[in-house]
Amino acid sequence: MDARRAVGVAKRAGDAEVEKAARAQVHEAKLALGERGPVWWNDGAPDENRKMVRNSSYADWWEAAGGSSED
């Protein structure tokens, strides 16, 4: 979170160089957490990361759990 805060501080200050460095730190942290980079699992499930829940294989579960089809 420190890197994310640094991005905000740099943006508010208008310091493009510091912002670029802070964004690089955010990227490194996300790589370390497994949020970016190569897939580290292989369970055969389809990647539905960029789908709205109503357009995914989780649509029925979502509605049964009280989710709206508008979500």
N, C-alpha and C. Protein backbone atom coordinates (compact mmCIF):
# COMPACT_ATOMS: atom_id res chain seq x y z
N MET A 1 0.82 -1.19 0.00
CA MET A 1 0.00 0.00 0.00
C MET A 1 0.86 1.26 0.00
N ASP A 2 2.07 1.16 0.52
CA ASP A 2 2.94 2.34 0.52
C ASP A 2 3.18 2.83 -0.90
N ALA A 3 3.39 1.89 -1.82
CA ALA A 3 3.65 2.27 -3.21
C ALA A 3 2.41 2.92 -3.81
N ARG A 4 1.22 2.38 -3.49
CA ARG A 4 -0.01 2.98 -4.01
C ARG A 4 -0.20 4.41 -3.49
N ARG A 5 0.10 4.59 -2.20
CA ARG A 5 0.01 5.94 -1.64
C ARG A 5 1.01 6.88 -2.30
N ALA A 6 2.20 6.36 -2.59
CA ALA A 6 3.23 7.18 -3.23
C ALA A 6 2.78 7.64 -4.62
N VAL A 7 2.02 6.79 -5.32
CA VAL A 7 1.49 7.19 -6.63
C VAL A 7 0.57 8.39 -6.44
N GLY A 8 -0.32 8.31 -5.47
CA GLY A 8 -1.26 9.41 -5.23
C GLY A 8 -0.56 10.70 -4.84
N VAL A 9 0.44 10.60 -3.97
CA VAL A 9 1.19 11.78 -3.55
C VAL A 9 1.89 12.42 -4.75
N ALA A 10 2.50 11.59 -5.57
CA ALA A 10 3.22 12.09 -6.75
C ALA A 10 2.25 12.74 -7.74
N LYS A 11 1.08 12.13 -7.93
CA LYS A 11 0.09 12.71 -8.85
C LYS A 11 -0.37 14.07 -8.36
N ARG A 12 -0.66 14.15 -7.05
CA ARG A 12 -1.12 15.43 -6.51
C ARG A 12 -0.03 16.50 -6.60
N ALA A 13 1.22 16.07 -6.50
CA ALA A 13 2.35 17.01 -6.58
C ALA A 13 2.72 17.32 -8.03
N GLY A 14 2.17 16.56 -8.96
CA GLY A 14 2.50 16.77 -10.37
C GLY A 14 3.91 16.33 -10.73
N ASP A 15 4.45 15.38 -9.98
CA ASP A 15 5.83 14.92 -10.20
C ASP A 15 5.80 13.62 -11.00
N ALA A 16 5.96 13.73 -12.30
CA ALA A 16 5.85 12.58 -13.21
C ALA A 16 6.95 11.55 -12.96
N GLU A 17 8.15 12.00 -12.63
CA GLU A 17 9.25 11.06 -12.39
C GLU A 17 9.00 10.20 -11.16
N VAL A 18 8.57 10.83 -10.07
CA VAL A 18 8.28 10.09 -8.84
C VAL A 18 7.08 9.18 -9.05
N GLU A 19 6.09 9.66 -9.79
CA GLU A 19 4.92 8.83 -10.08
C GLU A 19 5.31 7.58 -10.86
N LYS A 20 6.18 7.75 -11.84
CA LYS A 20 6.63 6.60 -12.65
C LYS A 20 7.35 5.58 -11.76
N ALA A 21 8.20 6.06 -10.87
CA ALA A 21 8.93 5.17 -9.97
C ALA A 21 7.96 4.46 -9.02
N ALA A 22 6.97 5.18 -8.52
CA ALA A 22 5.99 4.58 -7.61
C ALA A 22 5.16 3.53 -8.33
N ARG A 23 4.78 3.80 -9.57
CA ARG A 23 4.02 2.81 -10.35
C ARG A 23 4.85 1.56 -10.60
N ALA A 24 6.14 1.73 -10.78
CA ALA A 24 7.02 0.56 -10.94
C ALA A 24 7.04 -0.26 -9.65
N GLN A 25 7.02 0.41 -8.51
CA GLN A 25 6.98 -0.30 -7.22
C GLN A 25 5.65 -1.06 -7.06
N VAL A 26 4.56 -0.44 -7.48
CA VAL A 26 3.25 -1.10 -7.43
C VAL A 26 3.30 -2.36 -8.29
N HIS A 27 3.85 -2.24 -9.48
CA HIS A 27 3.95 -3.38 -10.39
C HIS A 27 4.76 -4.51 -9.76
N GLU A 28 5.89 -4.18 -9.17
CA GLU A 28 6.74 -5.19 -8.52
C GLU A 28 6.00 -5.88 -7.38
N ALA A 29 5.25 -5.11 -6.60
CA ALA A 29 4.49 -5.70 -5.50
C ALA A 29 3.43 -6.65 -6.02
N LYS A 30 2.75 -6.26 -7.10
CA LYS A 30 1.71 -7.12 -7.67
C LYS A 30 2.32 -8.40 -8.25
N LEU A 31 3.49 -8.30 -8.84
CA LEU A 31 4.18 -9.50 -9.31
C LEU A 31 4.49 -10.43 -8.14
N ALA A 32 5.01 -9.85 -7.07
CA ALA A 32 5.39 -10.65 -5.90
C ALA A 32 4.17 -11.33 -5.26
N LEU A 33 3.01 -10.68 -5.35
CA LEU A 33 1.79 -11.25 -4.78
C LEU A 33 1.10 -12.23 -5.72
N GLY A 34 1.60 -12.34 -6.94
CA GLY A 34 0.98 -13.25 -7.90
C GLY A 34 -0.19 -12.65 -8.63
N GLU A 35 -0.40 -11.34 -8.50
CA GLU A 35 -1.52 -10.68 -9.17
C GLU A 35 -1.22 -10.38 -10.63
N ARG A 36 0.03 -10.35 -10.98
CA ARG A 36 0.46 -10.12 -12.36
C ARG A 36 1.53 -11.13 -12.70
N GLY A 37 1.78 -11.26 -13.98
CA GLY A 37 2.81 -12.19 -14.41
C GLY A 37 2.21 -13.50 -14.88
N PRO A 38 3.05 -14.48 -15.05
CA PRO A 38 2.56 -15.77 -15.57
C PRO A 38 1.62 -16.44 -14.57
N VAL A 39 0.69 -17.19 -15.11
CA VAL A 39 -0.24 -17.94 -14.28
C VAL A 39 0.54 -18.95 -13.45
N TRP A 40 0.25 -19.00 -12.16
CA TRP A 40 0.98 -19.90 -11.27
C TRP A 40 0.15 -21.11 -10.87
N TRP A 41 -1.06 -21.22 -11.42
CA TRP A 41 -1.89 -22.38 -11.13
C TRP A 41 -2.31 -23.01 -12.44
N ASN A 42 -2.74 -24.24 -12.38
CA ASN A 42 -3.20 -24.92 -13.57
C ASN A 42 -4.26 -25.93 -13.16
N ASP A 43 -5.45 -25.42 -12.84
CA ASP A 43 -6.52 -26.31 -12.40
C ASP A 43 -7.51 -26.63 -13.52
N GLY A 44 -7.24 -26.11 -14.73
CA GLY A 44 -8.09 -26.40 -15.87
C GLY A 44 -9.34 -25.54 -15.96
N ALA A 45 -9.59 -24.72 -14.95
CA ALA A 45 -10.77 -23.85 -14.98
C ALA A 45 -10.55 -22.71 -15.98
N PRO A 46 -11.62 -22.28 -16.65
CA PRO A 46 -11.46 -21.18 -17.59
C PRO A 46 -11.14 -19.87 -16.85
N ASP A 47 -10.40 -19.00 -17.49
CA ASP A 47 -10.07 -17.70 -16.91
C ASP A 47 -11.23 -16.75 -17.18
N GLU A 48 -11.97 -16.43 -16.14
CA GLU A 48 -13.13 -15.54 -16.28
C GLU A 48 -12.89 -14.21 -15.59
N ASN A 49 -11.64 -13.86 -15.45
CA ASN A 49 -11.25 -12.66 -14.73
C ASN A 49 -11.84 -11.39 -15.33
N ARG A 50 -12.00 -11.32 -16.60
CA ARG A 50 -12.44 -10.08 -17.23
C ARG A 50 -13.90 -10.13 -17.68
N LYS A 51 -14.67 -11.03 -17.09
CA LYS A 51 -16.08 -11.15 -17.42
C LYS A 51 -16.94 -10.59 -16.29
N MET A 52 -18.06 -10.00 -16.66
CA MET A 52 -19.04 -9.63 -15.65
C MET A 52 -19.64 -10.93 -15.13
N VAL A 53 -19.97 -10.97 -13.86
CA VAL A 53 -20.44 -12.21 -13.24
C VAL A 53 -21.65 -12.78 -13.99
N ARG A 54 -22.53 -11.91 -14.50
CA ARG A 54 -23.73 -12.41 -15.20
C ARG A 54 -23.38 -13.10 -16.52
N ASN A 55 -22.17 -12.87 -17.02
CA ASN A 55 -21.73 -13.50 -18.27
C ASN A 55 -20.72 -14.62 -18.02
N SER A 56 -20.65 -15.08 -16.79
CA SER A 56 -19.66 -16.10 -16.45
C SER A 56 -20.35 -17.39 -16.02
N SER A 57 -19.53 -18.38 -15.74
CA SER A 57 -20.08 -19.65 -15.25
C SER A 57 -20.60 -19.52 -13.82
N TYR A 58 -20.40 -18.37 -13.18
CA TYR A 58 -20.88 -18.13 -11.82
C TYR A 58 -22.22 -17.42 -11.78
N ALA A 59 -22.86 -17.18 -12.91
CA ALA A 59 -24.10 -16.40 -12.97
C ALA A 59 -25.20 -16.99 -12.09
N ASP A 60 -25.43 -18.29 -12.17
CA ASP A 60 -26.50 -18.91 -11.37
C ASP A 60 -26.20 -18.78 -9.88
N TRP A 61 -24.95 -19.03 -9.50
CA TRP A 61 -24.57 -18.91 -8.10
C TRP A 61 -24.78 -17.47 -7.62
N TRP A 62 -24.40 -16.50 -8.44
CA TRP A 62 -24.50 -15.10 -8.06
C TRP A 62 -25.95 -14.70 -7.80
N GLU A 63 -26.83 -15.10 -8.69
CA GLU A 63 -28.25 -14.75 -8.49
C GLU A 63 -28.81 -15.47 -7.26
N ALA A 64 -28.45 -16.72 -7.04
CA ALA A 64 -28.93 -17.48 -5.87
C ALA A 64 -28.41 -16.84 -4.58
N ALA A 65 -27.25 -16.21 -4.64
CA ALA A 65 -26.67 -15.57 -3.46
C ALA A 65 -27.24 -14.17 -3.23
N GLY A 66 -28.17 -13.75 -4.08
CA GLY A 66 -28.79 -12.44 -3.91
C GLY A 66 -28.23 -11.37 -4.81
N GLY A 67 -27.34 -11.75 -5.71
CA GLY A 67 -26.78 -10.77 -6.65
C GLY A 67 -27.81 -10.41 -7.70
N SER A 68 -27.68 -9.25 -8.23
CA SER A 68 -28.59 -8.76 -9.26
C SER A 68 -28.06 -9.10 -10.63
N SER A 69 -28.92 -9.36 -11.57
CA SER A 69 -28.49 -9.59 -12.95
C SER A 69 -27.97 -8.31 -13.58
N GLU A 70 -28.16 -7.18 -12.90
CA GLU A 70 -27.66 -5.89 -13.37
C GLU A 70 -26.20 -5.68 -12.99
N ASP A 71 -25.69 -6.48 -12.06
CA ASP A 71 -24.31 -6.32 -11.57
C ASP A 71 -23.31 -6.75 -12.60
